[in-house]
PDB file of N, CA and C in Angstrom:
ATOM      1  N   MET A   1      11.101   2.049   2.474  1.00  0.00           N
ATOM      2  CA  MET A   1      11.383   0.723   2.977  1.00  0.00           C
ATOM      3  C   MET A   1      10.542  -0.316   2.245  1.00  0.00           C
ATOM      4  N   ILE A   2      11.104  -1.461   2.097  1.00  0.00           N
ATOM      5  CA  ILE A   2      10.415  -2.534   1.376  1.00  0.00           C
ATOM      6  C   ILE A   2       9.193  -3.020   2.156  1.00  0.00           C
ATOM      7  N   GLU A   3       9.268  -3.008   3.497  1.00  0.00           N
ATOM      8  CA  GLU A   3       8.131  -3.462   4.298  1.00  0.00           C
ATOM      9  C   GLU A   3       6.906  -2.581   4.081  1.00  0.00           C
ATOM     10  N   ILE A   4       7.118  -1.294   3.976  1.00  0.00           N
ATOM     11  CA  ILE A   4       6.013  -0.359   3.753  1.00  0.00           C
ATOM     12  C   ILE A   4       5.390  -0.607   2.384  1.00  0.00           C
ATOM     13  N   GLN A   5       6.220  -0.817   1.379  1.00  0.00           N
ATOM     14  CA  GLN A   5       5.711  -1.093   0.034  1.00  0.00           C
ATOM     15  C   GLN A   5       4.913  -2.386   0.022  1.00  0.00           C
ATOM     16  N   LEU A   6       5.420  -3.400   0.713  1.00  0.00           N
ATOM     17  CA  LEU A   6       4.696  -4.680   0.773  1.00  0.00           C
ATOM     18  C   LEU A   6       3.358  -4.532   1.497  1.00  0.00           C
ATOM     19  N   ASP A   7       3.365  -3.788   2.611  1.00  0.00           N
ATOM     20  CA  ASP A   7       2.113  -3.547   3.327  1.00  0.00           C
ATOM     21  C   ASP A   7       1.091  -2.888   2.408  1.00  0.00           C
ATOM     22  N   ASN A   8       1.530  -1.863   1.685  1.00  0.00           N
ATOM     23  CA  ASN A   8       0.636  -1.152   0.776  1.00  0.00           C
ATOM     24  C   ASN A   8       0.066  -2.095  -0.278  1.00  0.00           C
ATOM     25  N   LEU A   9       0.902  -2.949  -0.843  1.00  0.00           N
ATOM     26  CA  LEU A   9       0.439  -3.895  -1.858  1.00  0.00           C
ATOM     27  C   LEU A   9      -0.571  -4.882  -1.289  1.00  0.00           C
ATOM     28  N   VAL A  10      -0.306  -5.370  -0.091  1.00  0.00           N
ATOM     29  CA  VAL A  10      -1.228  -6.321   0.542  1.00  0.00           C
ATOM     30  C   VAL A  10      -2.574  -5.652   0.805  1.00  0.00           C
ATOM     31  N   TYR A  11      -2.537  -4.417   1.318  1.00  0.00           N
ATOM     32  CA  TYR A  11      -3.788  -3.696   1.565  1.00  0.00           C
ATOM     33  C   TYR A  11      -4.595  -3.557   0.275  1.00  0.00           C
ATOM     34  N   ARG A  12      -3.918  -3.216  -0.811  1.00  0.00           N
ATOM     35  CA  ARG A  12      -4.618  -3.037  -2.097  1.00  0.00           C
ATOM     36  C   ARG A  12      -5.087  -4.373  -2.670  1.00  0.00           C
ATOM     37  N   LEU A  13      -4.267  -5.417  -2.540  1.00  0.00           N
ATOM     38  CA  LEU A  13      -4.657  -6.732  -3.048  1.00  0.00           C
ATOM     39  C   LEU A  13      -5.920  -7.247  -2.354  1.00  0.00           C
ATOM     40  N   TYR A  14      -6.038  -6.965  -1.069  1.00  0.00           N
ATOM     41  CA  TYR A  14      -7.224  -7.376  -0.327  1.00  0.00           C
ATOM     42  C   TYR A  14      -8.347  -6.351  -0.432  1.00  0.00           C
ATOM     43  N   GLU A  15      -8.119  -5.336  -1.256  1.00  0.00           N
ATOM     44  CA  GLU A  15      -9.114  -4.302  -1.548  1.00  0.00           C
ATOM     45  C   GLU A  15      -9.637  -3.617  -0.289  1.00  0.00           C
ATOM     46  N   LEU A  16      -8.724  -3.350   0.657  1.00  0.00           N
ATOM     47  CA  LEU A  16      -9.102  -2.625   1.859  1.00  0.00           C
ATOM     48  C   LEU A  16      -9.285  -1.152   1.522  1.00  0.00           C
ATOM     49  N   THR A  17     -10.297  -0.556   2.101  1.00  0.00           N
ATOM     50  CA  THR A  17     -10.479   0.883   1.938  1.00  0.00           C
ATOM     51  C   THR A  17      -9.472   1.594   2.842  1.00  0.00           C
ATOM     52  N   TYR A  18      -9.305   2.870   2.620  1.00  0.00           N
ATOM     53  CA  TYR A  18      -8.390   3.673   3.435  1.00  0.00           C
ATOM     54  C   TYR A  18      -8.799   3.598   4.907  1.00  0.00           C
ATOM     55  N   ASP A  19     -10.088   3.702   5.184  1.00  0.00           N
ATOM     56  CA  ASP A  19     -10.573   3.641   6.563  1.00  0.00           C
ATOM     57  C   ASP A  19     -10.301   2.277   7.206  1.00  0.00           C
ATOM     58  N   GLU A  20     -10.415   1.211   6.436  1.00  0.00           N
ATOM     59  CA  GLU A  20     -10.106  -0.126   6.957  1.00  0.00           C
ATOM     60  C   GLU A  20      -8.624  -0.254   7.265  1.00  0.00           C
ATOM     61  N   VAL A  21      -7.781   0.326   6.425  1.00  0.00           N
ATOM     62  CA  VAL A  21      -6.341   0.304   6.678  1.00  0.00           C
ATOM     63  C   VAL A  21      -6.032   1.037   7.980  1.00  0.00           C
ATOM     64  N   LEU A  22      -6.727   2.128   8.240  1.00  0.00           N
ATOM     65  CA  LEU A  22      -6.499   2.881   9.472  1.00  0.00           C
ATOM     66  C   LEU A  22      -6.866   2.061  10.710  1.00  0.00           C
ATOM     67  N   VAL A  23      -7.805   1.145  10.595  1.00  0.00           N
ATOM     68  CA  VAL A  23      -8.146   0.263  11.711  1.00  0.00           C
ATOM     69  C   VAL A  23      -6.996  -0.718  11.955  1.00  0.00           C
ATOM     70  N   VAL A  24      -6.441  -1.255  10.875  1.00  0.00           N
ATOM     71  CA  VAL A  24      -5.349  -2.220  10.971  1.00  0.00           C
ATOM     72  C   VAL A  24      -4.060  -1.536  11.411  1.00  0.00           C
ATOM     73  N   GLU A  25      -3.803  -0.351  10.860  1.00  0.00           N
ATOM     74  CA  GLU A  25      -2.564   0.380  11.112  1.00  0.00           C
ATOM     75  C   GLU A  25      -2.898   1.854  11.380  1.00  0.00           C
ATOM     76  N   PRO A  26      -3.162   2.193  12.642  1.00  0.00           N
ATOM     77  CA  PRO A  26      -3.614   3.552  12.978  1.00  0.00           C
ATOM     78  C   PRO A  26      -2.673   4.672  12.523  1.00  0.00           C
ATOM     79  N   GLY A  27      -1.385   4.442  12.454  1.00  0.00           N
ATOM     80  CA  GLY A  27      -0.439   5.475  12.058  1.00  0.00           C
ATOM     81  C   GLY A  27      -0.292   5.644  10.556  1.00  0.00           C
ATOM     82  N   PHE A  28      -1.067   4.905   9.789  1.00  0.00           N
ATOM     83  CA  PHE A  28      -0.943   4.919   8.328  1.00  0.00           C
ATOM     84  C   PHE A  28      -1.167   6.311   7.746  1.00  0.00           C
ATOM     85  N   SER A  29      -2.068   7.072   8.342  1.00  0.00           N
ATOM     86  CA  SER A  29      -2.402   8.401   7.814  1.00  0.00           C
ATOM     87  C   SER A  29      -1.226   9.372   7.890  1.00  0.00           C
ATOM     88  N   GLU A  30      -0.240   9.061   8.715  1.00  0.00           N
ATOM     89  CA  GLU A  30       0.937   9.920   8.832  1.00  0.00           C
ATOM     90  C   GLU A  30       1.880   9.773   7.646  1.00  0.00           C
ATOM     91  N   ARG A  31       1.805   8.643   6.957  1.00  0.00           N
ATOM     92  CA  ARG A  31       2.726   8.447   5.833  1.00  0.00           C
ATOM     93  C   ARG A  31       2.057   8.488   4.460  1.00  0.00           C
ATOM     94  N   MET A  32       0.709   8.390   4.439  1.00  0.00           N
ATOM     95  CA  MET A  32       0.039   8.386   3.145  1.00  0.00           C
ATOM     96  C   MET A  32      -1.362   8.965   3.276  1.00  0.00           C
ATOM     97  N   SER A  33      -1.697   9.868   2.366  1.00  0.00           N
ATOM     98  CA  SER A  33      -3.039  10.445   2.374  1.00  0.00           C
ATOM     99  C   SER A  33      -4.021   9.482   1.699  1.00  0.00           C
ATOM    100  N   LYS A  34      -5.289   9.764   1.878  1.00  0.00           N
ATOM    101  CA  LYS A  34      -6.331   8.937   1.264  1.00  0.00           C
ATOM    102  C   LYS A  34      -6.203   8.962  -0.259  1.00  0.00           C
ATOM    103  N   GLU A  35      -5.930  10.140  -0.818  1.00  0.00           N
ATOM    104  CA  GLU A  35      -5.796  10.273  -2.270  1.00  0.00           C
ATOM    105  C   GLU A  35      -4.606   9.460  -2.799  1.00  0.00           C
ATOM    106  N   GLU A  36      -3.486   9.508  -2.080  1.00  0.00           N
ATOM    107  CA  GLU A  36      -2.313   8.730  -2.496  1.00  0.00           C
ATOM    108  C   GLU A  36      -2.614   7.237  -2.449  1.00  0.00           C
ATOM    109  N   TYR A  37      -3.268   6.798  -1.370  1.00  0.00           N
ATOM    110  CA  TYR A  37      -3.596   5.389  -1.222  1.00  0.00           C
ATOM    111  C   TYR A  37      -4.517   4.921  -2.342  1.00  0.00           C
ATOM    112  N   GLU A  38      -5.545   5.702  -2.612  1.00  0.00           N
ATOM    113  CA  GLU A  38      -6.487   5.303  -3.645  1.00  0.00           C
ATOM    114  C   GLU A  38      -5.860   5.322  -5.032  1.00  0.00           C
ATOM    115  N   GLY A  39      -4.763   6.037  -5.203  1.00  0.00           N
ATOM    116  CA  GLY A  39      -4.072   6.102  -6.480  1.00  0.00           C
ATOM    117  C   GLY A  39      -3.088   4.977  -6.711  1.00  0.00           C
ATOM    118  N   LEU A  40      -2.849   4.153  -5.673  1.00  0.00           N
ATOM    119  CA  LEU A  40      -1.904   3.049  -5.822  1.00  0.00           C
ATOM    120  C   LEU A  40      -2.460   2.021  -6.806  1.00  0.00           C
ATOM    121  N   LYS A  41      -1.623   1.548  -7.664  1.00  0.00           N
ATOM    122  CA  LYS A  41      -2.009   0.521  -8.633  1.00  0.00           C
ATOM    123  C   LYS A  41      -1.300  -0.784  -8.317  1.00  0.00           C
ATOM    124  N   VAL A  42      -2.014  -1.879  -8.448  1.00  0.00           N
ATOM    125  CA  VAL A  42      -1.445  -3.203  -8.275  1.00  0.00           C
ATOM    126  C   VAL A  42      -1.583  -3.924  -9.600  1.00  0.00           C
ATOM    127  N   ASP A  43      -0.459  -4.229 -10.179  1.00  0.00           N
ATOM    128  CA  ASP A  43      -0.450  -4.906 -11.481  1.00  0.00           C
ATOM    129  C   ASP A  43      -0.202  -6.377 -11.343  1.00  0.00           C
TER     130      ASP A  43
END
């Protein structure tokens, strides 16, 4: 979904850590692991 992609980009643009994202969106760990999140690139 486009909303999920946008959320991910916003989290990375604001340089949120994986743990900070979990505070904002507790269910985030169900769709993305810490390794996947840290591997996201924002160009």
